Amino acid sequence: ASVAMHGSLCRVTDLSIHGARIQTYGDLRAGSSIVLALPGDIRRLTRI
């Protein structure tokens, strides 16, 4: 979820404790922030 993407699905393809690589259905801009909602009710504010 972000200002540009009001809740959308994505797929995490690479994961570490510090970040992730995601595939989305919309373009994200480097430097923007999103909320990534992971399974198990895990949410993280992230910077692209």
All heavy atoms as atom14 arrays in JSON, in Angstrom:
{
  "sequence": "ASVAMHGSLCRVTDLSIHGARIQTYGDLRAGSSIVLALPGDIRRLTRI",
  "atom14_mask": [
    [1, 1, 1, 1, 1, 0, 0, 0, 0, 0, 0, 0, 0, 0],
    [1, 1, 1, 1, 1, 1, 0, 0, 0, 0, 0, 0, 0, 0],
    [1, 1, 1, 1, 1, 1, 1, 0, 0, 0, 0, 0, 0, 0],
    [1, 1, 1, 1, 1, 0, 0, 0, 0, 0, 0, 0, 0, 0],
    [1, 1, 1, 1, 1, 1, 1, 1, 0, 0, 0, 0, 0, 0],
    [1, 1, 1, 1, 1, 1, 1, 1, 1, 1, 0, 0, 0, 0],
    [1, 1, 1, 1, 0, 0, 0, 0, 0, 0, 0, 0, 0, 0],
    [1, 1, 1, 1, 1, 1, 0, 0, 0, 0, 0, 0, 0, 0],
    [1, 1, 1, 1, 1, 1, 1, 1, 0, 0, 0, 0, 0, 0],
    [1, 1, 1, 1, 1, 1, 0, 0, 0, 0, 0, 0, 0, 0],
    [1, 1, 1, 1, 1, 1, 1, 1, 1, 1, 1, 0, 0, 0],
    [1, 1, 1, 1, 1, 1, 1, 0, 0, 0, 0, 0, 0, 0],
    [1, 1, 1, 1, 1, 1, 1, 0, 0, 0, 0, 0, 0, 0],
    [1, 1, 1, 1, 1, 1, 1, 1, 0, 0, 0, 0, 0, 0],
    [1, 1, 1, 1, 1, 1, 1, 1, 0, 0, 0, 0, 0, 0],
    [1, 1, 1, 1, 1, 1, 0, 0, 0, 0, 0, 0, 0, 0],
    [1, 1, 1, 1, 1, 1, 1, 1, 0, 0, 0, 0, 0, 0],
    [1, 1, 1, 1, 1, 1, 1, 1, 1, 1, 0, 0, 0, 0],
    [1, 1, 1, 1, 0, 0, 0, 0, 0, 0, 0, 0, 0, 0],
    [1, 1, 1, 1, 1, 0, 0, 0, 0, 0, 0, 0, 0, 0],
    [1, 1, 1, 1, 1, 1, 1, 1, 1, 1, 1, 0, 0, 0],
    [1, 1, 1, 1, 1, 1, 1, 1, 0, 0, 0, 0, 0, 0],
    [1, 1, 1, 1, 1, 1, 1, 1, 1, 0, 0, 0, 0, 0],
    [1, 1, 1, 1, 1, 1, 1, 0, 0, 0, 0, 0, 0, 0],
    [1, 1, 1, 1, 1, 1, 1, 1, 1, 1, 1, 1, 0, 0],
    [1, 1, 1, 1, 0, 0, 0, 0, 0, 0, 0, 0, 0, 0],
    [1, 1, 1, 1, 1, 1, 1, 1, 0, 0, 0, 0, 0, 0],
    [1, 1, 1, 1, 1, 1, 1, 1, 0, 0, 0, 0, 0, 0],
    [1, 1, 1, 1, 1, 1, 1, 1, 1, 1, 1, 0, 0, 0],
    [1, 1, 1, 1, 1, 0, 0, 0, 0, 0, 0, 0, 0, 0],
    [1, 1, 1, 1, 0, 0, 0, 0, 0, 0, 0, 0, 0, 0],
    [1, 1, 1, 1, 1, 1, 0, 0, 0, 0, 0, 0, 0, 0],
    [1, 1, 1, 1, 1, 1, 0, 0, 0, 0, 0, 0, 0, 0],
    [1, 1, 1, 1, 1, 1, 1, 1, 0, 0, 0, 0, 0, 0],
    [1, 1, 1, 1, 1, 1, 1, 0, 0, 0, 0, 0, 0, 0],
    [1, 1, 1, 1, 1, 1, 1, 1, 0, 0, 0, 0, 0, 0],
    [1, 1, 1, 1, 1, 0, 0, 0, 0, 0, 0, 0, 0, 0],
    [1, 1, 1, 1, 1, 1, 1, 1, 0, 0, 0, 0, 0, 0],
    [1, 1, 1, 1, 1, 1, 1, 0, 0, 0, 0, 0, 0, 0],
    [1, 1, 1, 1, 0, 0, 0, 0, 0, 0, 0, 0, 0, 0],
    [1, 1, 1, 1, 1, 1, 1, 1, 0, 0, 0, 0, 0, 0],
    [1, 1, 1, 1, 1, 1, 1, 1, 0, 0, 0, 0, 0, 0],
    [1, 1, 1, 1, 1, 1, 1, 1, 1, 1, 1, 0, 0, 0],
    [1, 1, 1, 1, 1, 1, 1, 1, 1, 1, 1, 0, 0, 0],
    [1, 1, 1, 1, 1, 1, 1, 1, 0, 0, 0, 0, 0, 0],
    [1, 1, 1, 1, 1, 1, 1, 0, 0, 0, 0, 0, 0, 0],
    [1, 1, 1, 1, 1, 1, 1, 1, 1, 1, 1, 0, 0, 0],
    [1, 1, 1, 1, 1, 1, 1, 1, 0, 0, 0, 0, 0, 0]
  ],
  "atom14_positions": [
    [[0.84, -1.19, 0.0], [0.0, 0.0, 0.0], [0.88, 1.24, 0.0], [1.89, 1.29, 0.69], [-0.91, 0.01, 1.22], [0.0, 0.0, 0.0], [0.0, 0.0, 0.0], [0.0, 0.0, 0.0], [0.0, 0.0, 0.0], [0.0, 0.0, 0.0], [0.0, 0.0, 0.0], [0.0, 0.0, 0.0], [0.0, 0.0, 0.0], [0.0, 0.0, 0.0]],
    [[0.5, 2.21, -0.81], [1.19, 3.49, -0.86], [0.18, 4.53, -1.32], [-0.98, 4.21, -1.6], [2.37, 3.44, -1.83], [1.92, 3.36, -3.17], [0.0, 0.0, 0.0], [0.0, 0.0, 0.0], [0.0, 0.0, 0.0], [0.0, 0.0, 0.0], [0.0, 0.0, 0.0], [0.0, 0.0, 0.0], [0.0, 0.0, 0.0], [0.0, 0.0, 0.0]],
    [[0.62, 5.75, -1.43], [-0.27, 6.8, -1.93], [-0.69, 6.48, -3.36], [-1.84, 6.64, -3.73], [0.44, 8.18, -1.86], [-0.38, 9.25, -2.52], [0.75, 8.53, -0.41], [0.0, 0.0, 0.0], [0.0, 0.0, 0.0], [0.0, 0.0, 0.0], [0.0, 0.0, 0.0], [0.0, 0.0, 0.0], [0.0, 0.0, 0.0], [0.0, 0.0, 0.0]],
    [[0.24, 5.97, -4.17], [-0.06, 5.66, -5.57], [-0.79, 4.33, -5.73], [-1.52, 4.14, -6.7], [1.23, 5.63, -6.38], [0.0, 0.0, 0.0], [0.0, 0.0, 0.0], [0.0, 0.0, 0.0], [0.0, 0.0, 0.0], [0.0, 0.0, 0.0], [0.0, 0.0, 0.0], [0.0, 0.0, 0.0], [0.0, 0.0, 0.0], [0.0, 0.0, 0.0]],
    [[-0.61, 3.39, -4.81], [-1.22, 2.06, -4.92], [-2.03, 1.83, -3.65], [-1.49, 1.43, -2.64], [-0.14, 0.99, -5.08], [0.72, 1.14, -6.29], [2.09, -0.04, -6.3], [1.24, -1.53, -6.72], [0.0, 0.0, 0.0], [0.0, 0.0, 0.0], [0.0, 0.0, 0.0], [0.0, 0.0, 0.0], [0.0, 0.0, 0.0], [0.0, 0.0, 0.0]],
    [[-3.32, 2.06, -3.73], [-4.19, 1.94, -2.55], [-4.5, 0.48, -2.24], [-5.62, 0.03, -2.36], [-5.49, 2.71, -2.79], [-5.25, 4.15, -3.07], [-4.89, 5.05, -2.11], [-5.28, 4.83, -4.24], [-4.73, 6.24, -2.65], [-4.96, 6.13, -3.93], [0.0, 0.0, 0.0], [0.0, 0.0, 0.0], [0.0, 0.0, 0.0], [0.0, 0.0, 0.0]],
    [[-3.52, -0.26, -1.88], [-3.7, -1.67, -1.56], [-3.68, -2.51, -2.82], [-4.58, -2.44, -3.64], [0.0, 0.0, 0.0], [0.0, 0.0, 0.0], [0.0, 0.0, 0.0], [0.0, 0.0, 0.0], [0.0, 0.0, 0.0], [0.0, 0.0, 0.0], [0.0, 0.0, 0.0], [0.0, 0.0, 0.0], [0.0, 0.0, 0.0], [0.0, 0.0, 0.0]],
    [[-2.64, -3.24, -3.01], [-2.45, -4.07, -4.19], [-1.7, -5.32, -3.78], [-1.03, -5.33, -2.75], [-1.65, -3.28, -5.24], [-1.45, -4.03, -6.4], [0.0, 0.0, 0.0], [0.0, 0.0, 0.0], [0.0, 0.0, 0.0], [0.0, 0.0, 0.0], [0.0, 0.0, 0.0], [0.0, 0.0, 0.0], [0.0, 0.0, 0.0], [0.0, 0.0, 0.0]],
    [[-1.8, -6.35, -4.59], [-1.05, -7.57, -4.32], [0.36, -7.45, -4.89], [0.6, -6.73, -5.85], [-1.75, -8.78, -4.95], [-3.11, -9.14, -4.37], [-3.71, -10.31, -5.16], [-2.99, -9.5, -2.91], [0.0, 0.0, 0.0], [0.0, 0.0, 0.0], [0.0, 0.0, 0.0], [0.0, 0.0, 0.0], [0.0, 0.0, 0.0], [0.0, 0.0, 0.0]],
    [[1.26, -8.19, -4.29], [2.62, -8.29, -4.81], [3.14, -9.68, -4.46], [2.51, -10.42, -3.72], [3.52, -7.2, -4.25], [3.96, -7.4, -2.51], [0.0, 0.0, 0.0], [0.0, 0.0, 0.0], [0.0, 0.0, 0.0], [0.0, 0.0, 0.0], [0.0, 0.0, 0.0], [0.0, 0.0, 0.0], [0.0, 0.0, 0.0], [0.0, 0.0, 0.0]],
    [[4.28, -10.01, -5.0], [4.95, -11.27, -4.67], [6.36, -10.96, -4.21], [7.1, -10.25, -4.89], [4.99, -12.2, -5.87], [5.7, -13.52, -5.57], [5.47, -14.57, -6.63], [4.08, -14.9, -6.81], [3.36, -15.72, -6.04], [3.93, -16.29, -4.99], [2.11, -15.98, -6.3], [0.0, 0.0, 0.0], [0.0, 0.0, 0.0], [0.0, 0.0, 0.0]],
    [[6.72, -11.45, -3.04], [8.08, -11.3, -2.52], [8.9, -12.43, -3.11], [8.55, -13.6, -2.98], [8.09, -11.36, -0.97], [9.52, -11.26, -0.45], [7.21, -10.27, -0.37], [0.0, 0.0, 0.0], [0.0, 0.0, 0.0], [0.0, 0.0, 0.0], [0.0, 0.0, 0.0], [0.0, 0.0, 0.0], [0.0, 0.0, 0.0], [0.0, 0.0, 0.0]],
    [[9.99, -12.08, -3.79], [10.82, -13.11, -4.44], [12.18, -13.27, -3.79], [12.92, -14.2, -4.13], [11.01, -12.79, -5.94], [11.62, -11.5, -6.07], [9.67, -12.79, -6.67], [0.0, 0.0, 0.0], [0.0, 0.0, 0.0], [0.0, 0.0, 0.0], [0.0, 0.0, 0.0], [0.0, 0.0, 0.0], [0.0, 0.0, 0.0], [0.0, 0.0, 0.0]],
    [[12.53, -12.37, -2.88], [13.82, -12.41, -2.22], [13.63, -11.72, -0.88], [13.01, -10.66, -0.82], [14.82, -11.64, -3.09], [16.25, -11.82, -2.64], [16.8, -12.9, -2.85], [16.8, -10.86, -2.08], [0.0, 0.0, 0.0], [0.0, 0.0, 0.0], [0.0, 0.0, 0.0], [0.0, 0.0, 0.0], [0.0, 0.0, 0.0], [0.0, 0.0, 0.0]],
    [[14.11, -12.32, 0.19], [13.83, -11.78, 1.52], [15.04, -11.88, 2.43], [15.75, -12.88, 2.43], [12.66, -12.56, 2.14], [12.16, -12.11, 3.51], [11.49, -10.75, 3.42], [11.17, -13.13, 4.06], [0.0, 0.0, 0.0], [0.0, 0.0, 0.0], [0.0, 0.0, 0.0], [0.0, 0.0, 0.0], [0.0, 0.0, 0.0], [0.0, 0.0, 0.0]],
    [[15.28, -10.82, 3.2], [16.26, -10.83, 4.28], [15.62, -10.11, 5.45], [14.51, -9.59, 5.33], [17.56, -10.14, 3.87], [17.43, -8.73, 3.95], [0.0, 0.0, 0.0], [0.0, 0.0, 0.0], [0.0, 0.0, 0.0], [0.0, 0.0, 0.0], [0.0, 0.0, 0.0], [0.0, 0.0, 0.0], [0.0, 0.0, 0.0], [0.0, 0.0, 0.0]],
    [[16.31, -10.06, 6.58], [15.72, -9.36, 7.72], [15.68, -7.85, 7.47], [14.91, -7.14, 8.1], [16.45, -9.67, 9.05], [17.9, -9.23, 9.0], [16.32, -11.14, 9.41], [18.59, -9.3, 10.36], [0.0, 0.0, 0.0], [0.0, 0.0, 0.0], [0.0, 0.0, 0.0], [0.0, 0.0, 0.0], [0.0, 0.0, 0.0], [0.0, 0.0, 0.0]],
    [[16.49, -7.35, 6.51], [16.57, -5.91, 6.25], [15.75, -5.44, 5.05], [15.57, -4.24, 4.87], [18.02, -5.49, 6.04], [18.85, -5.67, 7.26], [18.75, -4.86, 8.37], [19.8, -6.59, 7.57], [19.59, -5.27, 9.29], [20.24, -6.32, 8.83], [0.0, 0.0, 0.0], [0.0, 0.0, 0.0], [0.0, 0.0, 0.0], [0.0, 0.0, 0.0]],
    [[15.27, -6.35, 4.2], [14.54, -5.91, 3.02], [14.06, -7.05, 2.16], [14.19, -8.22, 2.51], [0.0, 0.0, 0.0], [0.0, 0.0, 0.0], [0.0, 0.0, 0.0], [0.0, 0.0, 0.0], [0.0, 0.0, 0.0], [0.0, 0.0, 0.0], [0.0, 0.0, 0.0], [0.0, 0.0, 0.0], [0.0, 0.0, 0.0], [0.0, 0.0, 0.0]],
    [[13.51, -6.67, 1.0], [12.93, -7.67, 0.11], [12.96, -7.17, -1.33], [13.04, -5.97, -1.58], [11.49, -7.96, 0.51], [0.0, 0.0, 0.0], [0.0, 0.0, 0.0], [0.0, 0.0, 0.0], [0.0, 0.0, 0.0], [0.0, 0.0, 0.0], [0.0, 0.0, 0.0], [0.0, 0.0, 0.0], [0.0, 0.0, 0.0], [0.0, 0.0, 0.0]],
    [[12.9, -8.14, -2.25], [12.66, -7.84, -3.65], [11.21, -8.25, -3.91], [10.81, -9.35, -3.53], [13.58, -8.62, -4.57], [13.3, -8.31, -6.03], [14.07, -9.17, -6.99], [15.29, -9.7, -6.44], [16.29, -10.18, -7.17], [16.2, -10.2, -8.47], [17.36, -10.66, -6.59], [0.0, 0.0, 0.0], [0.0, 0.0, 0.0], [0.0, 0.0, 0.0]],
    [[10.45, -7.35, -4.54], [9.04, -7.64, -4.79], [8.7, -7.46, -6.26], [9.34, -6.67, -6.96], [8.11, -6.76, -3.92], [8.32, -5.27, -4.21], [8.31, -7.05, -2.44], [7.34, -4.36, -3.51], [0.0, 0.0, 0.0], [0.0, 0.0, 0.0], [0.0, 0.0, 0.0], [0.0, 0.0, 0.0], [0.0, 0.0, 0.0], [0.0, 0.0, 0.0]],
    [[7.7, -8.22, -6.71], [7.12, -8.03, -8.03], [5.74, -7.43, -7.81], [4.97, -7.93, -6.97], [6.99, -9.37, -8.76], [8.31, -10.0, -9.09], [8.13, -11.38, -9.71], [7.12, -12.03, -9.55], [9.15, -11.82, -10.43], [0.0, 0.0, 0.0], [0.0, 0.0, 0.0], [0.0, 0.0, 0.0], [0.0, 0.0, 0.0], [0.0, 0.0, 0.0]],
    [[5.44, -6.35, -8.52], [4.18, -5.65, -8.34], [3.41, -5.55, -9.65], [3.94, -5.88, -10.72], [4.43, -4.21, -7.82], [5.14, -3.48, -8.83], [5.23, -4.22, -6.54], [0.0, 0.0, 0.0], [0.0, 0.0, 0.0], [0.0, 0.0, 0.0], [0.0, 0.0, 0.0], [0.0, 0.0, 0.0], [0.0, 0.0, 0.0], [0.0, 0.0, 0.0]],
    [[2.18, -5.08, -9.56], [1.35, -4.86, -10.74], [1.38, -3.4, -11.16], [0.69, -2.99, -12.08], [-0.08, -5.3, -10.47], [-0.18, -6.79, -10.26], [-0.25, -7.32, -8.99], [-0.16, -7.67, -11.34], [-0.32, -8.7, -8.79], [-0.22, -9.03, -11.16], [-0.3, -9.54, -9.87], [-0.37, -10.88, -9.68], [0.0, 0.0, 0.0], [0.0, 0.0, 0.0]],
    [[2.16, -2.59, -10.48], [2.3, -1.18, -10.81], [3.72, -0.74, -10.55], [4.45, -1.36, -9.78], [0.0, 0.0, 0.0], [0.0, 0.0, 0.0], [0.0, 0.0, 0.0], [0.0, 0.0, 0.0], [0.0, 0.0, 0.0], [0.0, 0.0, 0.0], [0.0, 0.0, 0.0], [0.0, 0.0, 0.0], [0.0, 0.0, 0.0], [0.0, 0.0, 0.0]],
    [[4.13, 0.31, -11.24], [5.48, 0.82, -11.05], [5.61, 1.54, -9.71], [4.71, 2.26, -9.29], [5.84, 1.81, -12.16], [6.27, 1.11, -13.43], [6.81, -0.01, -13.35], [6.06, 1.68, -14.52], [0.0, 0.0, 0.0], [0.0, 0.0, 0.0], [0.0, 0.0, 0.0], [0.0, 0.0, 0.0], [0.0, 0.0, 0.0], [0.0, 0.0, 0.0]],
    [[6.72, 1.33, -9.05], [7.04, 2.04, -7.81], [8.25, 2.91, -8.09], [9.15, 2.53, -8.84], [7.35, 1.05, -6.69], [6.19, 0.16, -6.26], [6.68, -0.93, -5.32], [5.11, 1.0, -5.61], [0.0, 0.0, 0.0], [0.0, 0.0, 0.0], [0.0, 0.0, 0.0], [0.0, 0.0, 0.0], [0.0, 0.0, 0.0], [0.0, 0.0, 0.0]],
    [[8.3, 4.08, -7.5], [9.39, 5.02, -7.74], [10.46, 4.88, -6.65], [10.14, 4.84, -5.46], [8.82, 6.44, -7.75], [9.76, 7.46, -8.36], [9.11, 8.83, -8.47], [9.1, 9.46, -7.15], [7.99, 9.73, -6.44], [6.82, 9.45, -6.92], [8.08, 10.28, -5.26], [0.0, 0.0, 0.0], [0.0, 0.0, 0.0], [0.0, 0.0, 0.0]],
    [[11.71, 4.8, -7.06], [12.81, 4.74, -6.1], [12.74, 5.97, -5.19], [12.49, 7.08, -5.64], [14.16, 4.69, -6.82], [0.0, 0.0, 0.0], [0.0, 0.0, 0.0], [0.0, 0.0, 0.0], [0.0, 0.0, 0.0], [0.0, 0.0, 0.0], [0.0, 0.0, 0.0], [0.0, 0.0, 0.0], [0.0, 0.0, 0.0], [0.0, 0.0, 0.0]],
    [[12.92, 5.73, -3.9], [12.86, 6.8, -2.91], [11.49, 6.93, -2.26], [11.36, 7.57, -1.22], [0.0, 0.0, 0.0], [0.0, 0.0, 0.0], [0.0, 0.0, 0.0], [0.0, 0.0, 0.0], [0.0, 0.0, 0.0], [0.0, 0.0, 0.0], [0.0, 0.0, 0.0], [0.0, 0.0, 0.0], [0.0, 0.0, 0.0], [0.0, 0.0, 0.0]],
    [[10.47, 6.31, -2.86], [9.13, 6.38, -2.26], [9.01, 5.36, -1.13], [9.84, 4.47, -0.98], [8.05, 6.14, -3.32], [8.14, 4.84, -3.86], [0.0, 0.0, 0.0], [0.0, 0.0, 0.0], [0.0, 0.0, 0.0], [0.0, 0.0, 0.0], [0.0, 0.0, 0.0], [0.0, 0.0, 0.0], [0.0, 0.0, 0.0], [0.0, 0.0, 0.0]],
    [[7.97, 5.51, -0.32], [7.73, 4.6, 0.8], [6.44, 3.83, 0.58], [5.49, 4.37, 0.01], [7.63, 5.38, 2.11], [8.87, 5.96, 2.43], [0.0, 0.0, 0.0], [0.0, 0.0, 0.0], [0.0, 0.0, 0.0], [0.0, 0.0, 0.0], [0.0, 0.0, 0.0], [0.0, 0.0, 0.0], [0.0, 0.0, 0.0], [0.0, 0.0, 0.0]],
    [[6.44, 2.58, 1.02], [5.25, 1.74, 0.95], [5.12, 0.98, 2.28], [6.08, 0.89, 3.04], [5.29, 0.72, -0.21], [6.48, -0.25, -0.04], [5.35, 1.42, -1.56], [6.44, -1.45, -0.96], [0.0, 0.0, 0.0], [0.0, 0.0, 0.0], [0.0, 0.0, 0.0], [0.0, 0.0, 0.0], [0.0, 0.0, 0.0], [0.0, 0.0, 0.0]],
    [[3.95, 0.43, 2.5], [3.75, -0.51, 3.61], [3.65, -1.88, 2.98], [2.82, -2.11, 2.09], [2.48, -0.18, 4.42], [2.23, -1.27, 5.45], [2.61, 1.18, 5.08], [0.0, 0.0, 0.0], [0.0, 0.0, 0.0], [0.0, 0.0, 0.0], [0.0, 0.0, 0.0], [0.0, 0.0, 0.0], [0.0, 0.0, 0.0], [0.0, 0.0, 0.0]],
    [[4.5, -2.79, 3.39], [4.48, -4.17, 2.9], [3.8, -5.03, 3.94], [4.23, -5.09, 5.1], [5.92, -4.66, 2.65], [6.07, -6.03, 2.01], [5.44, -6.07, 0.62], [7.54, -6.41, 1.93], [0.0, 0.0, 0.0], [0.0, 0.0, 0.0], [0.0, 0.0, 0.0], [0.0, 0.0, 0.0], [0.0, 0.0, 0.0], [0.0, 0.0, 0.0]],
    [[2.69, -5.66, 3.55], [1.92, -6.53, 4.45], [2.26, -7.98, 4.12], [1.88, -8.51, 3.08], [0.44, -6.28, 4.27], [0.0, 0.0, 0.0], [0.0, 0.0, 0.0], [0.0, 0.0, 0.0], [0.0, 0.0, 0.0], [0.0, 0.0, 0.0], [0.0, 0.0, 0.0], [0.0, 0.0, 0.0], [0.0, 0.0, 0.0], [0.0, 0.0, 0.0]],
    [[2.99, -8.62, 5.02], [3.44, -9.99, 4.84], [2.52, -10.95, 5.59], [1.77, -10.53, 6.48], [4.88, -10.12, 5.36], [5.92, -9.29, 4.6], [7.16, -9.09, 5.44], [6.25, -9.95, 3.29], [0.0, 0.0, 0.0], [0.0, 0.0, 0.0], [0.0, 0.0, 0.0], [0.0, 0.0, 0.0], [0.0, 0.0, 0.0], [0.0, 0.0, 0.0]],
    [[2.55, -12.24, 5.26], [1.73, -13.22, 5.99], [2.04, -13.19, 7.48], [3.14, -12.79, 7.91], [2.15, -14.56, 5.37], [2.68, -14.21, 4.01], [3.31, -12.86, 4.17], [0.0, 0.0, 0.0], [0.0, 0.0, 0.0], [0.0, 0.0, 0.0], [0.0, 0.0, 0.0], [0.0, 0.0, 0.0], [0.0, 0.0, 0.0], [0.0, 0.0, 0.0]],
    [[1.09, -13.63, 8.28], [1.28, -13.66, 9.73], [1.09, -12.29, 10.35], [1.62, -12.03, 11.43], [0.0, 0.0, 0.0], [0.0, 0.0, 0.0], [0.0, 0.0, 0.0], [0.0, 0.0, 0.0], [0.0, 0.0, 0.0], [0.0, 0.0, 0.0], [0.0, 0.0, 0.0], [0.0, 0.0, 0.0], [0.0, 0.0, 0.0], [0.0, 0.0, 0.0]],
    [[0.39, -11.41, 9.67], [0.11, -10.05, 10.16], [1.4, -9.26, 10.43], [1.48, -8.47, 11.37], [-0.78, -10.11, 11.41], [-1.55, -8.81, 11.62], [-1.84, -8.12, 10.63], [-1.84, -8.49, 12.79], [0.0, 0.0, 0.0], [0.0, 0.0, 0.0], [0.0, 0.0, 0.0], [0.0, 0.0, 0.0], [0.0, 0.0, 0.0], [0.0, 0.0, 0.0]],
    [[2.42, -9.49, 9.6], [3.69, -8.77, 9.71], [3.64, -7.61, 8.72], [3.45, -7.81, 7.53], [4.89, -9.7, 9.39], [4.92, -10.87, 10.37], [6.19, -8.92, 9.43], [5.9, -11.96, 9.97], [0.0, 0.0, 0.0], [0.0, 0.0, 0.0], [0.0, 0.0, 0.0], [0.0, 0.0, 0.0], [0.0, 0.0, 0.0], [0.0, 0.0, 0.0]],
    [[3.78, -6.41, 9.21], [3.75, -5.2, 8.36], [5.03, -4.41, 8.58], [5.49, -4.26, 9.7], [2.55, -4.33, 8.7], [1.24, -5.02, 8.46], [0.09, -4.03, 8.56], [-1.22, -4.64, 8.57], [-1.76, -5.36, 7.6], [-1.07, -5.59, 6.52], [-2.97, -5.87, 7.71], [0.0, 0.0, 0.0], [0.0, 0.0, 0.0], [0.0, 0.0, 0.0]],
    [[5.58, -3.91, 7.48], [6.77, -3.08, 7.56], [6.65, -1.89, 6.63], [6.27, -2.01, 5.47], [8.04, -3.86, 7.14], [8.53, -4.87, 8.15], [8.98, -4.17, 9.43], [9.53, -5.06, 10.39], [8.81, -5.78, 11.26], [7.5, -5.72, 11.25], [9.39, -6.55, 12.15], [0.0, 0.0, 0.0], [0.0, 0.0, 0.0], [0.0, 0.0, 0.0]],
    [[6.99, -0.71, 7.19], [7.16, 0.47, 6.36], [8.49, 0.28, 5.64], [9.5, -0.08, 6.28], [7.19, 1.73, 7.23], [7.34, 3.05, 6.49], [6.18, 3.29, 5.53], [7.46, 4.2, 7.47], [0.0, 0.0, 0.0], [0.0, 0.0, 0.0], [0.0, 0.0, 0.0], [0.0, 0.0, 0.0], [0.0, 0.0, 0.0], [0.0, 0.0, 0.0]],
    [[8.51, 0.46, 4.34], [9.73, 0.23, 3.56], [10.01, 1.41, 2.64], [9.11, 2.15, 2.26], [9.62, -1.04, 2.7], [8.67, -0.83, 1.67], [9.21, -2.24, 3.51], [0.0, 0.0, 0.0], [0.0, 0.0, 0.0], [0.0, 0.0, 0.0], [0.0, 0.0, 0.0], [0.0, 0.0, 0.0], [0.0, 0.0, 0.0], [0.0, 0.0, 0.0]],
    [[11.27, 1.54, 2.28], [11.7, 2.54, 1.3], [12.13, 1.81, 0.04], [12.91, 0.85, 0.11], [12.86, 3.36, 1.86], [13.33, 4.48, 0.92], [14.45, 5.29, 1.54], [15.6, 4.48, 1.9], [16.56, 4.1, 1.05], [16.5, 4.45, -0.2], [17.57, 3.37, 1.47], [0.0, 0.0, 0.0], [0.0, 0.0, 0.0], [0.0, 0.0, 0.0]],
    [[11.63, 2.24, -1.1], [12.01, 1.64, -2.38], [13.42, 2.13, -2.73], [13.65, 3.32, -2.89], [11.02, 2.0, -3.5], [9.59, 1.58, -3.13], [11.44, 1.39, -4.83], [9.43, 0.11, -2.86], [0.0, 0.0, 0.0], [0.0, 0.0, 0.0], [0.0, 0.0, 0.0], [0.0, 0.0, 0.0], [0.0, 0.0, 0.0], [0.0, 0.0, 0.0]]
  ]
}
